[in-house]
Amino acid sequence: MAELGAAVIRRLTKELVDLQSSPCEGIRVTINEVNIADIQAEVEGPAGTPFEGGLFRFKLLIPAEFPNVPPKGSFITKIFHPNISTSGEICVNVLKKDWQPEMGIRHVLMVIRCLLIQPFPDSALNEEAGRLLLDNYEEYAKHARLMTSIHAPAPKRSHTYHGISAAHQPIIGASAITSGPLTTSGANAGHVNSSSAKDDNCSPVKRAKPEQPKAGGAVAAVVGVSKIKKNLKRL
């Protein structure tokens, strides 16, 4: 991948600093201080979905033409999902034809999390997952839960965390949510139905009180941003 220009690094750094101060719900971002173009993240499986209880790693690769060209996203953790291929490629329009330069990393992160809540079987990369979601949701959910339990078990967390570089810290902004049932047939297949409050960033969900970090625990949603932040003034 080509080296990033100063303007791209400046914008990317500002976005990452913003993510540190105002994290996305249910997502923890880790910054590669050696290669800022390689952004890795963990997303908690949303409650009320077959991915609940899982912790999924994915990455965004930032091209030299960013933001005119979208990041390239792929899952590192294996997942059974219509819009994520067996090799991890993510099929979502915001990373392709719907991308706009004013969109940023935050928008991409939220869209990827929303994809776990509301898959779109009509544009499936994983044909088996797409077919099962349309024809037999219970079998789809069973398979997705099995894959989650095998490949994405969330680690047990200690009540106290020492330093932001510790692995598997709590994800800031994550909250327990309960989504409505998925429609599994017809034109609305894969959509989440609920008469409860609407999540501003995704489909309708019922809100619950967000988890609060334990007192004395050092926590961060963006890890590795300290050196990058110090270098921002040099750009």
C-alpha atoms as a PDB file:
ATOM      1  CA  MET A   1       0.000   0.000   0.000  1.00  0.00           C
ATOM      2  CA  ALA A   2       1.307   3.449  -0.935  1.00  0.00           C
ATOM      3  CA  GLU A   3       2.455   5.824   1.784  1.00  0.00           C
ATOM      4  CA  LEU A   4      -0.069   8.339   3.046  1.00  0.00           C
ATOM      5  CA  GLY A   5       0.432  12.017   2.314  1.00  0.00           C
ATOM      6  CA  ALA A   6       0.588  14.663   5.029  1.00  0.00           C
ATOM      7  CA  ALA A   7      -2.991  15.838   4.409  1.00  0.00           C
ATOM      8  CA  VAL A   8      -4.351  12.297   4.731  1.00  0.00           C
ATOM      9  CA  ILE A   9      -2.355  11.664   7.914  1.00  0.00           C
ATOM     10  CA  ARG A  10      -3.597  14.936   9.381  1.00  0.00           C
ATOM     11  CA  ARG A  11      -7.254  14.101   8.736  1.00  0.00           C
ATOM     12  CA  LEU A  12      -6.872  10.509   9.889  1.00  0.00           C
ATOM     13  CA  THR A  13      -5.128  11.556  13.090  1.00  0.00           C
ATOM     14  CA  LYS A  14      -7.862  14.052  13.922  1.00  0.00           C
ATOM     15  CA  GLU A  15     -10.506  11.385  13.372  1.00  0.00           C
ATOM     16  CA  LEU A  16      -8.703   8.940  15.650  1.00  0.00           C
ATOM     17  CA  VAL A  17      -8.268  11.545  18.374  1.00  0.00           C
ATOM     18  CA  ASP A  18     -11.990  12.298  18.096  1.00  0.00           C
ATOM     19  CA  LEU A  19     -12.756   8.587  18.471  1.00  0.00           C
ATOM     20  CA  GLN A  20     -10.680   8.547  21.630  1.00  0.00           C
ATOM     21  CA  SER A  21     -12.655  11.378  23.202  1.00  0.00           C
ATOM     22  CA  SER A  22     -16.036  10.191  21.901  1.00  0.00           C
ATOM     23  CA  PRO A  23     -15.970   6.431  21.186  1.00  0.00           C
ATOM     24  CA  CYS A  24     -18.448   4.520  19.053  1.00  0.00           C
ATOM     25  CA  GLU A  25     -20.884   2.343  20.956  1.00  0.00           C
ATOM     26  CA  GLY A  26     -19.697  -1.222  21.361  1.00  0.00           C
ATOM     27  CA  ILE A  27     -16.428  -0.736  19.463  1.00  0.00           C
ATOM     28  CA  ARG A  28     -12.816  -0.550  20.624  1.00  0.00           C
ATOM     29  CA  VAL A  29     -10.211   0.733  18.178  1.00  0.00           C
ATOM     30  CA  THR A  30      -6.502  -0.085  18.297  1.00  0.00           C
ATOM     31  CA  ILE A  31      -4.058   2.138  16.439  1.00  0.00           C
ATOM     32  CA  ASN A  32      -0.931   0.826  14.779  1.00  0.00           C
ATOM     33  CA  GLU A  33       1.583   3.530  15.666  1.00  0.00           C
ATOM     34  CA  VAL A  34       4.014   2.198  13.066  1.00  0.00           C
ATOM     35  CA  ASN A  35       1.426   2.193  10.283  1.00  0.00           C
ATOM     36  CA  ILE A  36      -1.507   4.535  10.892  1.00  0.00           C
ATOM     37  CA  ALA A  37      -3.163   3.237   7.711  1.00  0.00           C
ATOM     38  CA  ASP A  38      -3.768  -0.116   9.428  1.00  0.00           C
ATOM     39  CA  ILE A  39      -6.658   0.376  11.860  1.00  0.00           C
ATOM     40  CA  GLN A  40      -7.846  -2.623  13.838  1.00  0.00           C
ATOM     41  CA  ALA A  41     -10.967  -2.781  15.957  1.00  0.00           C
ATOM     42  CA  GLU A  42     -13.096  -5.073  18.088  1.00  0.00           C
ATOM     43  CA  VAL A  43     -16.878  -4.999  18.044  1.00  0.00           C
ATOM     44  CA  GLU A  44     -19.092  -6.629  20.636  1.00  0.00           C
ATOM     45  CA  GLY A  45     -21.823  -8.826  19.230  1.00  0.00           C
ATOM     46  CA  PRO A  46     -25.035  -6.801  19.746  1.00  0.00           C
ATOM     47  CA  ALA A  47     -27.581  -8.187  22.194  1.00  0.00           C
ATOM     48  CA  GLY A  48     -30.592  -9.854  20.632  1.00  0.00           C
ATOM     49  CA  THR A  49     -28.567 -11.139  17.663  1.00  0.00           C
ATOM     50  CA  PRO A  50     -26.872 -14.510  17.045  1.00  0.00           C
ATOM     51  CA  PHE A  51     -23.565 -12.711  17.649  1.00  0.00           C
ATOM     52  CA  GLU A  52     -24.408 -11.708  21.222  1.00  0.00           C
ATOM     53  CA  GLY A  53     -21.619 -12.557  23.643  1.00  0.00           C
ATOM     54  CA  GLY A  54     -18.975 -12.557  20.931  1.00  0.00           C
ATOM     55  CA  LEU A  55     -16.050 -10.226  20.347  1.00  0.00           C
ATOM     56  CA  PHE A  56     -15.154  -9.789  16.686  1.00  0.00           C
ATOM     57  CA  ARG A  57     -11.933  -8.317  15.338  1.00  0.00           C
ATOM     58  CA  PHE A  58     -11.857  -6.494  12.021  1.00  0.00           C
ATOM     59  CA  LYS A  59      -9.542  -4.069  10.283  1.00  0.00           C
ATOM     60  CA  LEU A  60      -9.703  -1.045   8.025  1.00  0.00           C
ATOM     61  CA  LEU A  61      -6.916  -0.345   5.555  1.00  0.00           C
ATOM     62  CA  ILE A  62      -6.691   3.312   4.582  1.00  0.00           C
ATOM     63  CA  PRO A  63      -5.661   3.964   0.954  1.00  0.00           C
ATOM     64  CA  ALA A  64      -3.368   6.801  -0.092  1.00  0.00           C
ATOM     65  CA  GLU A  65      -6.333   8.396  -1.901  1.00  0.00           C
ATOM     66  CA  PHE A  66      -8.430   8.649   1.288  1.00  0.00           C
ATOM     67  CA  PRO A  67     -10.948  10.261   1.715  1.00  0.00           C
ATOM     68  CA  ASN A  68     -11.709  10.241  -2.014  1.00  0.00           C
ATOM     69  CA  VAL A  69     -11.441   6.454  -1.912  1.00  0.00           C
ATOM     70  CA  PRO A  70     -13.043   4.459   0.936  1.00  0.00           C
ATOM     71  CA  PRO A  71     -11.148   2.253   3.382  1.00  0.00           C
ATOM     72  CA  LYS A  72     -11.005  -1.464   2.694  1.00  0.00           C
ATOM     73  CA  GLY A  73     -12.604  -3.440   5.508  1.00  0.00           C
ATOM     74  CA  SER A  74     -12.323  -7.091   6.436  1.00  0.00           C
ATOM     75  CA  PHE A  75     -13.084  -9.277   9.447  1.00  0.00           C
ATOM     76  CA  ILE A  76     -10.194 -11.060  11.116  1.00  0.00           C
ATOM     77  CA  THR A  77     -12.468 -13.152  13.322  1.00  0.00           C
ATOM     78  CA  LYS A  78     -14.459 -15.816  11.490  1.00  0.00           C
ATOM     79  CA  ILE A  79     -18.169 -15.032  11.426  1.00  0.00           C
ATOM     80  CA  PHE A  80     -21.249 -16.560   9.791  1.00  0.00           C
ATOM     81  CA  HIS A  81     -22.942 -13.564   8.196  1.00  0.00           C
ATOM     82  CA  PRO A  82     -24.529 -12.999   4.763  1.00  0.00           C
ATOM     83  CA  ASN A  83     -22.541  -9.838   4.035  1.00  0.00           C
ATOM     84  CA  ILE A  84     -19.156 -11.093   5.236  1.00  0.00           C
ATOM     85  CA  SER A  85     -17.343 -13.684   3.144  1.00  0.00           C
ATOM     86  CA  THR A  86     -15.609 -16.738   4.556  1.00  0.00           C
ATOM     87  CA  SER A  87     -12.315 -14.917   3.947  1.00  0.00           C
ATOM     88  CA  GLY A  88     -13.523 -11.857   5.895  1.00  0.00           C
ATOM     89  CA  GLU A  89     -14.375  -9.454   3.072  1.00  0.00           C
ATOM     90  CA  ILE A  90     -17.177  -7.048   4.006  1.00  0.00           C
ATOM     91  CA  CYS A  91     -19.938  -6.280   1.516  1.00  0.00           C
ATOM     92  CA  VAL A  92     -21.519  -2.967   2.443  1.00  0.00           C
ATOM     93  CA  ASN A  93     -22.324  -0.102   0.089  1.00  0.00           C
ATOM     94  CA  VAL A  94     -20.681   2.556   2.248  1.00  0.00           C
ATOM     95  CA  LEU A  95     -17.319   0.949   1.460  1.00  0.00           C
ATOM     96  CA  LYS A  96     -18.144   0.917  -2.236  1.00  0.00           C
ATOM     97  CA  LYS A  97     -20.582   2.884  -4.385  1.00  0.00           C
ATOM     98  CA  ASP A  98     -22.189   4.895  -1.559  1.00  0.00           C
ATOM     99  CA  TRP A  99     -18.920   6.249  -0.173  1.00  0.00           C
ATOM    100  CA  GLN A 100     -18.632  10.031   0.085  1.00  0.00           C
ATOM    101  CA  PRO A 101     -15.426  11.942   0.981  1.00  0.00           C
ATOM    102  CA  GLU A 102     -17.169  13.649   3.902  1.00  0.00           C
ATOM    103  CA  MET A 103     -17.740  10.272   5.523  1.00  0.00           C
ATOM    104  CA  GLY A 104     -15.103   9.161   7.974  1.00  0.00           C
ATOM    105  CA  ILE A 105     -13.827   6.290  10.076  1.00  0.00           C
ATOM    106  CA  ARG A 106     -16.544   6.772  12.698  1.00  0.00           C
ATOM    107  CA  HIS A 107     -19.264   6.348  10.083  1.00  0.00           C
ATOM    108  CA  VAL A 108     -17.665   3.157   8.764  1.00  0.00           C
ATOM    109  CA  LEU A 109     -17.348   1.690  12.265  1.00  0.00           C
ATOM    110  CA  MET A 110     -21.013   2.356  13.033  1.00  0.00           C
ATOM    111  CA  VAL A 111     -22.154   0.863   9.724  1.00  0.00           C
ATOM    112  CA  ILE A 112     -20.167  -2.325  10.365  1.00  0.00           C
ATOM    113  CA  ARG A 113     -21.723  -2.687  13.821  1.00  0.00           C
ATOM    114  CA  CYS A 114     -25.182  -2.065  12.363  1.00  0.00           C
ATOM    115  CA  LEU A 115     -24.536  -4.808   9.824  1.00  0.00           C
ATOM    116  CA  LEU A 116     -24.399  -7.307  12.697  1.00  0.00           C
ATOM    117  CA  ILE A 117     -27.861  -6.153  13.784  1.00  0.00           C
ATOM    118  CA  GLN A 118     -29.430  -5.935  10.340  1.00  0.00           C
ATOM    119  CA  PRO A 119     -27.875  -8.134   7.637  1.00  0.00           C
ATOM    120  CA  PHE A 120     -28.900  -7.861   3.990  1.00  0.00           C
ATOM    121  CA  PRO A 121     -29.240 -11.321   2.411  1.00  0.00           C
ATOM    122  CA  ASP A 122     -30.057  -9.899  -1.025  1.00  0.00           C
ATOM    123  CA  SER A 123     -26.418  -8.831  -1.430  1.00  0.00           C
ATOM    124  CA  ALA A 124     -24.807 -11.834   0.216  1.00  0.00           C
ATOM    125  CA  LEU A 125     -21.117 -12.668  -0.086  1.00  0.00           C
ATOM    126  CA  ASN A 126     -21.697 -15.782   1.997  1.00  0.00           C
ATOM    127  CA  GLU A 127     -24.416 -17.453  -0.052  1.00  0.00           C
ATOM    128  CA  GLU A 128     -25.120 -20.156   2.520  1.00  0.00           C
ATOM    129  CA  ALA A 129     -25.716 -17.593   5.259  1.00  0.00           C
ATOM    130  CA  GLY A 130     -27.897 -15.494   2.962  1.00  0.00           C
ATOM    131  CA  ARG A 131     -29.990 -18.481   1.914  1.00  0.00           C
ATOM    132  CA  LEU A 132     -30.504 -19.679   5.484  1.00  0.00           C
ATOM    133  CA  LEU A 133     -31.448 -16.203   6.680  1.00  0.00           C
ATOM    134  CA  LEU A 134     -34.179 -16.043   4.044  1.00  0.00           C
ATOM    135  CA  ASP A 135     -35.399 -19.638   4.236  1.00  0.00           C
ATOM    136  CA  ASN A 136     -34.865 -20.759   7.820  1.00  0.00           C
ATOM    137  CA  TYR A 137     -33.887 -18.106  10.326  1.00  0.00           C
ATOM    138  CA  GLU A 138     -33.618 -20.540  13.242  1.00  0.00           C
ATOM    139  CA  GLU A 139     -31.029 -22.607  11.379  1.00  0.00           C
ATOM    140  CA  TYR A 140     -29.170 -19.455  10.379  1.00  0.00           C
ATOM    141  CA  ALA A 141     -29.121 -18.200  13.970  1.00  0.00           C
ATOM    142  CA  LYS A 142     -28.045 -21.615  15.273  1.00  0.00           C
ATOM    143  CA  HIS A 143     -25.103 -21.732  12.864  1.00  0.00           C
ATOM    144  CA  ALA A 144     -24.137 -18.114  13.593  1.00  0.00           C
ATOM    145  CA  ARG A 145     -24.236 -18.713  17.364  1.00  0.00           C
ATOM    146  CA  LEU A 146     -22.088 -21.825  16.983  1.00  0.00           C
ATOM    147  CA  MET A 147     -19.488 -19.934  14.943  1.00  0.00           C
ATOM    148  CA  THR A 148     -19.545 -17.138  17.507  1.00  0.00           C
ATOM    149  CA  SER A 149     -18.967 -19.524  20.411  1.00  0.00           C
ATOM    150  CA  ILE A 150     -16.047 -21.180  18.611  1.00  0.00           C
ATOM    151  CA  HIS A 151     -14.267 -18.240  17.008  1.00  0.00           C
ATOM    152  CA  ALA A 152     -15.360 -15.137  18.937  1.00  0.00           C
ATOM    153  CA  PRO A 153     -15.760 -15.954  22.633  1.00  0.00           C
ATOM    154  CA  ALA A 154     -15.448 -12.731  24.619  1.00  0.00           C
ATOM    155  CA  PRO A 155     -12.683 -13.005  27.243  1.00  0.00           C
ATOM    156  CA  LYS A 156     -13.553 -12.733  30.904  1.00  0.00           C
ATOM    157  CA  ARG A 157     -12.802  -9.262  32.162  1.00  0.00           C
ATOM    158  CA  SER A 158     -11.217  -8.281  35.431  1.00  0.00           C
ATOM    159  CA  HIS A 159     -12.858  -5.622  37.568  1.00  0.00           C
ATOM    160  CA  THR A 160      -9.651  -3.579  37.479  1.00  0.00           C
ATOM    161  CA  TYR A 161      -7.651  -2.564  34.416  1.00  0.00           C
ATOM    162  CA  HIS A 162      -4.100  -1.289  34.552  1.00  0.00           C
ATOM    163  CA  GLY A 163      -3.139   0.967  31.674  1.00  0.00           C
ATOM    164  CA  ILE A 164      -4.707   1.515  28.294  1.00  0.00           C
ATOM    165  CA  SER A 165      -2.398  -0.942  26.552  1.00  0.00           C
ATOM    166  CA  ALA A 166      -3.863  -3.940  28.414  1.00  0.00           C
ATOM    167  CA  ALA A 167      -5.659  -6.368  26.144  1.00  0.00           C
ATOM    168  CA  HIS A 168      -9.433  -6.758  26.267  1.00  0.00           C
ATOM    169  CA  GLN A 169     -10.336  -3.642  28.196  1.00  0.00           C
ATOM    170  CA  PRO A 170     -14.030  -2.779  28.432  1.00  0.00           C
ATOM    171  CA  ILE A 171     -15.424  -1.139  25.339  1.00  0.00           C
ATOM    172  CA  ILE A 172     -16.367   2.413  26.205  1.00  0.00           C
ATOM    173  CA  GLY A 173     -19.872   3.375  25.212  1.00  0.00           C
ATOM    174  CA  ALA A 174     -21.042  -0.213  24.958  1.00  0.00           C
ATOM    175  CA  SER A 175     -24.502  -0.794  26.308  1.00  0.00           C
ATOM    176  CA  ALA A 176     -26.779  -3.779  26.541  1.00  0.00           C
ATOM    177  CA  ILE A 177     -29.506  -3.550  23.925  1.00  0.00           C
ATOM    178  CA  THR A 178     -32.460  -5.716  23.103  1.00  0.00           C
ATOM    179  CA  SER A 179     -33.549  -5.706  19.494  1.00  0.00           C
ATOM    180  CA  GLY A 180     -36.873  -6.789  18.116  1.00  0.00           C
ATOM    181  CA  PRO A 181     -37.305 -10.022  16.179  1.00  0.00           C
ATOM    182  CA  LEU A 182     -35.786 -10.320  12.741  1.00  0.00           C
ATOM    183  CA  THR A 183     -38.139 -10.697   9.810  1.00  0.00           C
ATOM    184  CA  THR A 184     -36.917 -13.711   7.884  1.00  0.00           C
ATOM    185  CA  SER A 185     -39.073 -13.821   4.803  1.00  0.00           C
ATOM    186  CA  GLY A 186     -40.486 -11.544   2.158  1.00  0.00           C
ATOM    187  CA  ALA A 187     -39.370  -8.038   1.234  1.00  0.00           C
ATOM    188  CA  ASN A 188     -38.393  -7.157   4.801  1.00  0.00           C
ATOM    189  CA  ALA A 189     -36.145 -10.156   5.361  1.00  0.00           C
ATOM    190  CA  GLY A 190     -33.358  -9.452   7.799  1.00  0.00           C
ATOM    191  CA  HIS A 191     -34.876  -6.264   9.178  1.00  0.00           C
ATOM    192  CA  VAL A 192     -35.167  -5.607  12.891  1.00  0.00           C
ATOM    193  CA  ASN A 193     -38.678  -4.825  14.055  1.00  0.00           C
ATOM    194  CA  SER A 194     -39.359  -3.018  17.300  1.00  0.00           C
ATOM    195  CA  SER A 195     -41.812  -0.473  18.628  1.00  0.00           C
ATOM    196  CA  SER A 196     -39.306   0.706  21.217  1.00  0.00           C
ATOM    197  CA  ALA A 197     -36.925   3.665  21.090  1.00  0.00           C
ATOM    198  CA  LYS A 198     -34.885   4.093  17.929  1.00  0.00           C
ATOM    199  CA  ASP A 199     -31.101   3.972  18.097  1.00  0.00           C
ATOM    200  CA  ASP A 200     -29.722   7.083  16.386  1.00  0.00           C
ATOM    201  CA  ASN A 201     -26.974   5.085  14.704  1.00  0.00           C
ATOM    202  CA  CYS A 202     -28.774   1.951  13.565  1.00  0.00           C
ATOM    203  CA  SER A 203     -32.057   0.070  13.616  1.00  0.00           C
ATOM    204  CA  PRO A 204     -34.741   0.335  16.333  1.00  0.00           C
ATOM    205  CA  VAL A 205     -33.552  -1.003  19.669  1.00  0.00           C
ATOM    206  CA  LYS A 206     -34.556  -0.829  23.280  1.00  0.00           C
ATOM    207  CA  ARG A 207     -31.991   1.138  25.223  1.00  0.00           C
ATOM    208  CA  ALA A 208     -30.472   0.051  28.493  1.00  0.00           C
ATOM    209  CA  LYS A 209     -28.232   1.938  30.875  1.00  0.00           C
ATOM    210  CA  PRO A 210     -24.638   1.876  29.563  1.00  0.00           C
ATOM    211  CA  GLU A 211     -22.020   0.082  31.609  1.00  0.00           C
ATOM    212  CA  GLN A 212     -19.762   2.407  33.571  1.00  0.00           C
ATOM    213  CA  PRO A 213     -16.022   1.800  33.972  1.00  0.00           C
ATOM    214  CA  LYS A 214     -14.984   0.576  37.400  1.00  0.00           C
ATOM    215  CA  ALA A 215     -13.417   3.183  39.651  1.00  0.00           C
ATOM    216  CA  GLY A 216      -9.646   3.211  39.423  1.00  0.00           C
ATOM    217  CA  GLY A 217      -9.571   1.365  36.131  1.00  0.00           C
ATOM    218  CA  ALA A 218      -7.700   2.968  33.270  1.00  0.00           C
ATOM    219  CA  VAL A 219      -9.792   2.477  30.161  1.00  0.00           C
ATOM    220  CA  ALA A 220      -9.760   3.735  26.587  1.00  0.00           C
ATOM    221  CA  ALA A 221     -11.673   3.029  23.408  1.00  0.00           C
ATOM    222  CA  VAL A 222      -8.741   3.989  21.201  1.00  0.00           C
ATOM    223  CA  VAL A 223      -5.427   2.371  22.093  1.00  0.00           C
ATOM    224  CA  GLY A 224      -2.106   3.585  20.740  1.00  0.00           C
ATOM    225  CA  VAL A 225      -3.207   7.102  19.841  1.00  0.00           C
ATOM    226  CA  SER A 226      -0.898   8.890  22.302  1.00  0.00           C
ATOM    227  CA  LYS A 227       2.162   9.073  20.056  1.00  0.00           C
ATOM    228  CA  ILE A 228       0.051   9.941  17.036  1.00  0.00           C
ATOM    229  CA  LYS A 229      -1.607  12.770  18.935  1.00  0.00           C
ATOM    230  CA  LYS A 230       1.788  14.188  19.902  1.00  0.00           C
ATOM    231  CA  ASN A 231       2.864  14.157  16.269  1.00  0.00           C
ATOM    232  CA  LEU A 232      -0.253  15.944  15.013  1.00  0.00           C
ATOM    233  CA  LYS A 233       1.308  19.389  15.421  1.00  0.00           C
ATOM    234  CA  ARG A 234       4.224  18.384  13.236  1.00  0.00           C
ATOM    235  CA  LEU A 235       2.037  17.747  10.191  1.00  0.00           C
END
